[in-house]
């Protein structure tokens, strides 16, 4: 997996976990529009954080790292 795909997958899973935890709100009030809106907001919020954490864990030029 490359860096972009890893960061995307983790950001998507994080956003989904967040909005899924608020499911009663969407069912009772804002519906699919609110769900989609919150999913996008959360994804855009966490993607840069995940990218930064990835870069901290795997600095450029470090090559392949193994569990120690």
PDB file of N, CA and C in Angstrom:
ATOM      1  N   UNK A   1       0.842  -1.183   0.000  1.00  0.00           N
ATOM      2  CA  UNK A   1       0.000   0.000   0.000  1.00  0.00           C
ATOM      3  C   UNK A   1       0.885   1.243   0.000  1.00  0.00           C
ATOM      4  N   UNK A   2       0.450   2.232  -0.719  1.00  0.00           N
ATOM      5  CA  UNK A   2       1.212   3.471  -0.698  1.00  0.00           C
ATOM      6  C   UNK A   2       0.654   4.428   0.352  1.00  0.00           C
ATOM      7  N   UNK A   3       1.407   5.477   0.599  1.00  0.00           N
ATOM      8  CA  UNK A   3       1.077   6.440   1.651  1.00  0.00           C
ATOM      9  C   UNK A   3      -0.310   7.040   1.466  1.00  0.00           C
ATOM     10  N   UNK A   4      -0.643   7.465   0.244  1.00  0.00           N
ATOM     11  CA  UNK A   4      -1.939   8.105   0.001  1.00  0.00           C
ATOM     12  C   UNK A   4      -3.090   7.149   0.291  1.00  0.00           C
ATOM     13  N   UNK A   5      -2.952   5.911  -0.127  1.00  0.00           N
ATOM     14  CA  UNK A   5      -4.018   4.930   0.084  1.00  0.00           C
ATOM     15  C   UNK A   5      -4.181   4.604   1.569  1.00  0.00           C
ATOM     16  N   UNK A   6      -3.077   4.457   2.265  1.00  0.00           N
ATOM     17  CA  UNK A   6      -3.142   4.185   3.704  1.00  0.00           C
ATOM     18  C   UNK A   6      -3.824   5.338   4.431  1.00  0.00           C
ATOM     19  N   UNK A   7      -3.398   6.558   4.134  1.00  0.00           N
ATOM     20  CA  UNK A   7      -3.986   7.734   4.791  1.00  0.00           C
ATOM     21  C   UNK A   7      -5.464   7.869   4.448  1.00  0.00           C
ATOM     22  N   UNK A   8      -5.815   7.623   3.180  1.00  0.00           N
ATOM     23  CA  UNK A   8      -7.216   7.696   2.761  1.00  0.00           C
ATOM     24  C   UNK A   8      -8.061   6.670   3.516  1.00  0.00           C
ATOM     25  N   UNK A   9      -7.595   5.435   3.553  1.00  0.00           N
ATOM     26  CA  UNK A   9      -8.364   4.374   4.215  1.00  0.00           C
ATOM     27  C   UNK A   9      -8.584   4.673   5.698  1.00  0.00           C
ATOM     28  N   UNK A  10      -7.541   5.113   6.372  1.00  0.00           N
ATOM     29  CA  UNK A  10      -7.674   5.401   7.801  1.00  0.00           C
ATOM     30  C   UNK A  10      -8.581   6.604   8.026  1.00  0.00           C
ATOM     31  N   UNK A  11      -8.453   7.640   7.195  1.00  0.00           N
ATOM     32  CA  UNK A  11      -9.325   8.820   7.318  1.00  0.00           C
ATOM     33  C   UNK A  11     -10.778   8.437   7.069  1.00  0.00           C
ATOM     34  N   UNK A  12     -11.016   7.592   6.079  1.00  0.00           N
ATOM     35  CA  UNK A  12     -12.379   7.160   5.768  1.00  0.00           C
ATOM     36  C   UNK A  12     -12.966   6.335   6.911  1.00  0.00           C
ATOM     37  N   UNK A  13     -12.189   5.420   7.452  1.00  0.00           N
ATOM     38  CA  UNK A  13     -12.663   4.609   8.574  1.00  0.00           C
ATOM     39  C   UNK A  13     -12.935   5.466   9.810  1.00  0.00           C
ATOM     40  N   UNK A  14     -12.078   6.443  10.048  1.00  0.00           N
ATOM     41  CA  UNK A  14     -12.265   7.338  11.192  1.00  0.00           C
ATOM     42  C   UNK A  14     -13.530   8.161  11.034  1.00  0.00           C
ATOM     43  N   UNK A  15     -13.721   8.732   9.848  1.00  0.00           N
ATOM     44  CA  UNK A  15     -14.922   9.534   9.586  1.00  0.00           C
ATOM     45  C   UNK A  15     -16.175   8.680   9.715  1.00  0.00           C
ATOM     46  N   UNK A  16     -16.131   7.466   9.183  1.00  0.00           N
ATOM     47  CA  UNK A  16     -17.294   6.580   9.252  1.00  0.00           C
ATOM     48  C   UNK A  16     -17.614   6.205  10.698  1.00  0.00           C
ATOM     49  N   UNK A  17     -16.598   5.908  11.480  1.00  0.00           N
ATOM     50  CA  UNK A  17     -16.828   5.574  12.892  1.00  0.00           C
ATOM     51  C   UNK A  17     -17.472   6.742  13.625  1.00  0.00           C
ATOM     52  N   UNK A  18     -17.022   7.947  13.325  1.00  0.00           N
ATOM     53  CA  UNK A  18     -17.584   9.130  13.973  1.00  0.00           C
ATOM     54  C   UNK A  18     -19.052   9.310  13.612  1.00  0.00           C
ATOM     55  N   UNK A  19     -19.369   9.283  12.320  1.00  0.00           N
ATOM     56  CA  UNK A  19     -20.764   9.525  11.930  1.00  0.00           C
ATOM     57  C   UNK A  19     -21.664   8.359  12.322  1.00  0.00           C
ATOM     58  N   UNK A  20     -21.148   7.153  12.284  1.00  0.00           N
ATOM     59  CA  UNK A  20     -21.962   6.006  12.699  1.00  0.00           C
ATOM     60  C   UNK A  20     -22.339   6.094  14.179  1.00  0.00           C
ATOM     61  N   UNK A  21     -21.461   6.696  14.978  1.00  0.00           N
ATOM     62  CA  UNK A  21     -21.774   6.825  16.404  1.00  0.00           C
ATOM     63  C   UNK A  21     -22.889   7.837  16.651  1.00  0.00           C
ATOM     64  N   UNK A  22     -23.187   8.656  15.655  1.00  0.00           N
ATOM     65  CA  UNK A  22     -24.261   9.649  15.756  1.00  0.00           C
ATOM     66  C   UNK A  22     -25.492   9.253  14.935  1.00  0.00           C
ATOM     67  N   UNK A  23     -25.641   7.981  14.633  1.00  0.00           N
ATOM     68  CA  UNK A  23     -26.708   7.522  13.747  1.00  0.00           C
ATOM     69  C   UNK A  23     -28.110   7.964  14.174  1.00  0.00           C
ATOM     70  N   UNK A  24     -28.475   7.941  15.454  1.00  0.00           N
ATOM     71  CA  UNK A  24     -29.827   8.401  15.823  1.00  0.00           C
ATOM     72  C   UNK A  24     -30.107   9.838  15.370  1.00  0.00           C
ATOM     73  N   UNK A  25     -29.096  10.686  15.390  1.00  0.00           N
ATOM     74  CA  UNK A  25     -29.255  12.072  14.924  1.00  0.00           C
ATOM     75  C   UNK A  25     -29.664  12.103  13.454  1.00  0.00           C
ATOM     76  N   UNK A  26     -29.025  11.281  12.643  1.00  0.00           N
ATOM     77  CA  UNK A  26     -29.327  11.271  11.210  1.00  0.00           C
ATOM     78  C   UNK A  26     -30.690  10.646  10.936  1.00  0.00           C
ATOM     79  N   UNK A  27     -31.003   9.591  11.658  1.00  0.00           N
ATOM     80  CA  UNK A  27     -32.293   8.920  11.461  1.00  0.00           C
ATOM     81  C   UNK A  27     -33.438   9.846  11.843  1.00  0.00           C
ATOM     82  N   UNK A  28     -33.300  10.541  12.960  1.00  0.00           N
ATOM     83  CA  UNK A  28     -34.394  11.363  13.481  1.00  0.00           C
ATOM     84  C   UNK A  28     -34.428  12.790  12.952  1.00  0.00           C
ATOM     85  N   UNK A  29     -33.312  13.308  12.457  1.00  0.00           N
ATOM     86  CA  UNK A  29     -33.286  14.722  12.097  1.00  0.00           C
ATOM     87  C   UNK A  29     -32.763  15.003  10.692  1.00  0.00           C
ATOM     88  N   UNK A  30     -31.466  14.906  10.507  1.00  0.00           N
ATOM     89  CA  UNK A  30     -30.853  15.430   9.287  1.00  0.00           C
ATOM     90  C   UNK A  30     -30.789  14.461   8.113  1.00  0.00           C
ATOM     91  N   UNK A  31     -31.012  13.189   8.350  1.00  0.00           N
ATOM     92  CA  UNK A  31     -31.053  12.208   7.267  1.00  0.00           C
ATOM     93  C   UNK A  31     -29.734  12.038   6.524  1.00  0.00           C
ATOM     94  N   UNK A  32     -29.860  11.586   5.276  1.00  0.00           N
ATOM     95  CA  UNK A  32     -28.683  11.282   4.459  1.00  0.00           C
ATOM     96  C   UNK A  32     -27.834  12.519   4.196  1.00  0.00           C
ATOM     97  N   UNK A  33     -28.488  13.664   4.034  1.00  0.00           N
ATOM     98  CA  UNK A  33     -27.741  14.900   3.774  1.00  0.00           C
ATOM     99  C   UNK A  33     -26.827  15.234   4.955  1.00  0.00           C
ATOM    100  N   UNK A  34     -27.336  15.130   6.166  1.00  0.00           N
ATOM    101  CA  UNK A  34     -26.525  15.391   7.355  1.00  0.00           C
ATOM    102  C   UNK A  34     -25.406  14.379   7.512  1.00  0.00           C
ATOM    103  N   UNK A  35     -25.718  13.108   7.222  1.00  0.00           N
ATOM    104  CA  UNK A  35     -24.715  12.045   7.307  1.00  0.00           C
ATOM    105  C   UNK A  35     -23.565  12.328   6.343  1.00  0.00           C
ATOM    106  N   UNK A  36     -23.920  12.621   5.084  1.00  0.00           N
ATOM    107  CA  UNK A  36     -22.897  12.881   4.070  1.00  0.00           C
ATOM    108  C   UNK A  36     -22.084  14.128   4.409  1.00  0.00           C
ATOM    109  N   UNK A  37     -22.758  15.160   4.852  1.00  0.00           N
ATOM    110  CA  UNK A  37     -22.078  16.408   5.205  1.00  0.00           C
ATOM    111  C   UNK A  37     -21.085  16.189   6.344  1.00  0.00           C
ATOM    112  N   UNK A  38     -21.511  15.494   7.382  1.00  0.00           N
ATOM    113  CA  UNK A  38     -20.628  15.228   8.518  1.00  0.00           C
ATOM    114  C   UNK A  38     -19.483  14.298   8.133  1.00  0.00           C
ATOM    115  N   UNK A  39     -19.760  13.334   7.251  1.00  0.00           N
ATOM    116  CA  UNK A  39     -18.725  12.400   6.799  1.00  0.00           C
ATOM    117  C   UNK A  39     -17.614  13.173   6.082  1.00  0.00           C
ATOM    118  N   UNK A  40     -17.993  14.079   5.205  1.00  0.00           N
ATOM    119  CA  UNK A  40     -17.003  14.871   4.471  1.00  0.00           C
ATOM    120  C   UNK A  40     -16.227  15.779   5.418  1.00  0.00           C
ATOM    121  N   UNK A  41     -16.935  16.450   6.316  1.00  0.00           N
ATOM    122  CA  UNK A  41     -16.266  17.345   7.270  1.00  0.00           C
ATOM    123  C   UNK A  41     -15.242  16.584   8.107  1.00  0.00           C
ATOM    124  N   UNK A  42     -15.646  15.436   8.625  1.00  0.00           N
ATOM    125  CA  UNK A  42     -14.750  14.662   9.489  1.00  0.00           C
ATOM    126  C   UNK A  42     -13.567  14.117   8.688  1.00  0.00           C
ATOM    127  N   UNK A  43     -13.809  13.653   7.466  1.00  0.00           N
ATOM    128  CA  UNK A  43     -12.729  13.145   6.613  1.00  0.00           C
ATOM    129  C   UNK A  43     -11.688  14.241   6.375  1.00  0.00           C
ATOM    130  N   UNK A  44     -12.165  15.429   5.991  1.00  0.00           N
ATOM    131  CA  UNK A  44     -11.254  16.541   5.713  1.00  0.00           C
ATOM    132  C   UNK A  44     -10.536  17.018   6.975  1.00  0.00           C
ATOM    133  N   UNK A  45     -11.145  16.829   8.117  1.00  0.00           N
ATOM    134  CA  UNK A  45     -10.524  17.203   9.389  1.00  0.00           C
ATOM    135  C   UNK A  45      -9.400  16.239   9.767  1.00  0.00           C
ATOM    136  N   UNK A  46      -9.636  14.946   9.586  1.00  0.00           N
ATOM    137  CA  UNK A  46      -8.667  13.961  10.079  1.00  0.00           C
ATOM    138  C   UNK A  46      -7.585  13.591   9.069  1.00  0.00           C
ATOM    139  N   UNK A  47      -7.833  13.773   7.768  1.00  0.00           N
ATOM    140  CA  UNK A  47      -6.832  13.365   6.773  1.00  0.00           C
ATOM    141  C   UNK A  47      -5.464  14.007   7.022  1.00  0.00           C
ATOM    142  N   UNK A  48      -5.390  15.341   7.218  1.00  0.00           N
ATOM    143  CA  UNK A  48      -4.066  15.935   7.473  1.00  0.00           C
ATOM    144  C   UNK A  48      -3.410  15.411   8.759  1.00  0.00           C
ATOM    145  N   UNK A  49      -4.216  15.117   9.761  1.00  0.00           N
ATOM    146  CA  UNK A  49      -3.673  14.584  11.013  1.00  0.00           C
ATOM    147  C   UNK A  49      -3.086  13.195  10.799  1.00  0.00           C
ATOM    148  N   UNK A  50      -3.781  12.391  10.025  1.00  0.00           N
ATOM    149  CA  UNK A  50      -3.314  11.034   9.740  1.00  0.00           C
ATOM    150  C   UNK A  50      -2.053  11.076   8.885  1.00  0.00           C
ATOM    151  N   UNK A  51      -2.034  11.959   7.898  1.00  0.00           N
ATOM    152  CA  UNK A  51      -0.850  12.108   7.044  1.00  0.00           C
ATOM    153  C   UNK A  51       0.363  12.519   7.879  1.00  0.00           C
ATOM    154  N   UNK A  52       0.171  13.454   8.793  1.00  0.00           N
ATOM    155  CA  UNK A  52       1.252  13.899   9.674  1.00  0.00           C
ATOM    156  C   UNK A  52       1.745  12.750  10.558  1.00  0.00           C
ATOM    157  N   UNK A  53       0.818  11.992  11.114  1.00  0.00           N
ATOM    158  CA  UNK A  53       1.197  10.860  11.964  1.00  0.00           C
ATOM    159  C   UNK A  53       1.939   9.801  11.158  1.00  0.00           C
ATOM    160  N   UNK A  54       1.490   9.540   9.940  1.00  0.00           N
ATOM    161  CA  UNK A  54       2.168   8.582   9.068  1.00  0.00           C
ATOM    162  C   UNK A  54       3.608   9.023   8.829  1.00  0.00           C
ATOM    163  N   UNK A  55       3.786  10.309   8.517  1.00  0.00           N
ATOM    164  CA  UNK A  55       5.131  10.821   8.251  1.00  0.00           C
ATOM    165  C   UNK A  55       6.011  10.763   9.497  1.00  0.00           C
ATOM    166  N   UNK A  56       5.421  10.926  10.671  1.00  0.00           N
ATOM    167  CA  UNK A  56       6.187  10.793  11.915  1.00  0.00           C
ATOM    168  C   UNK A  56       6.612   9.351  12.150  1.00  0.00           C
ATOM    169  N   UNK A  57       5.755   8.410  11.776  1.00  0.00           N
ATOM    170  CA  UNK A  57       6.050   6.993  11.978  1.00  0.00           C
ATOM    171  C   UNK A  57       6.989   6.439  10.913  1.00  0.00           C
ATOM    172  N   UNK A  58       6.934   7.014   9.705  1.00  0.00           N
ATOM    173  CA  UNK A  58       7.736   6.529   8.579  1.00  0.00           C
ATOM    174  C   UNK A  58       8.427   7.705   7.901  1.00  0.00           C
ATOM    175  N   UNK A  59       9.502   8.235   8.498  1.00  0.00           N
ATOM    176  CA  UNK A  59      10.182   9.382   7.902  1.00  0.00           C
ATOM    177  C   UNK A  59      10.762   9.041   6.532  1.00  0.00           C
ATOM    178  N   UNK A  60      10.805  10.018   5.625  1.00  0.00           N
ATOM    179  CA  UNK A  60      11.365   9.781   4.289  1.00  0.00           C
ATOM    180  C   UNK A  60      12.804   9.272   4.381  1.00  0.00           C
ATOM    181  N   UNK A  61      13.152   8.372   3.480  1.00  0.00           N
ATOM    182  CA  UNK A  61      14.505   7.850   3.442  1.00  0.00           C
ATOM    183  C   UNK A  61      14.794   6.794   4.483  1.00  0.00           C
ATOM    184  N   UNK A  62      13.782   6.435   5.261  1.00  0.00           N
ATOM    185  CA  UNK A  62      13.974   5.446   6.306  1.00  0.00           C
ATOM    186  C   UNK A  62      13.915   4.029   5.743  1.00  0.00           C
ATOM    187  N   UNK A  63      13.454   3.893   4.507  1.00  0.00           N
ATOM    188  CA  UNK A  63      13.350   2.578   3.906  1.00  0.00           C
ATOM    189  C   UNK A  63      12.265   1.749   4.563  1.00  0.00           C
ATOM    190  N   UNK A  64      12.352   0.468   4.384  1.00  0.00           N
ATOM    191  CA  UNK A  64      11.371  -0.441   4.969  1.00  0.00           C
ATOM    192  C   UNK A  64      11.733  -0.659   6.433  1.00  0.00           C
ATOM    193  N   UNK A  65      10.737  -0.505   7.287  1.00  0.00           N
ATOM    194  CA  UNK A  65      10.982  -0.740   8.705  1.00  0.00           C
ATOM    195  C   UNK A  65      10.246  -1.997   9.144  1.00  0.00           C
ATOM    196  N   UNK A  66      10.802  -2.657  10.092  1.00  0.00           N
ATOM    197  CA  UNK A  66      10.206  -3.866  10.630  1.00  0.00           C
ATOM    198  C   UNK A  66       9.878  -3.647  12.096  1.00  0.00           C
ATOM    199  N   UNK A  67       8.953  -4.433  12.591  1.00  0.00           N
ATOM    200  CA  UNK A  67       8.634  -4.361  14.012  1.00  0.00           C
ATOM    201  C   UNK A  67       9.855  -4.767  14.819  1.00  0.00           C
ATOM    202  N   UNK A  68      10.102  -4.036  15.859  1.00  0.00           N
ATOM    203  CA  UNK A  68      11.288  -4.335  16.674  1.00  0.00           C
ATOM    204  C   UNK A  68      10.867  -4.882  18.001  1.00  0.00           C
TER     205      UNK A  68
END
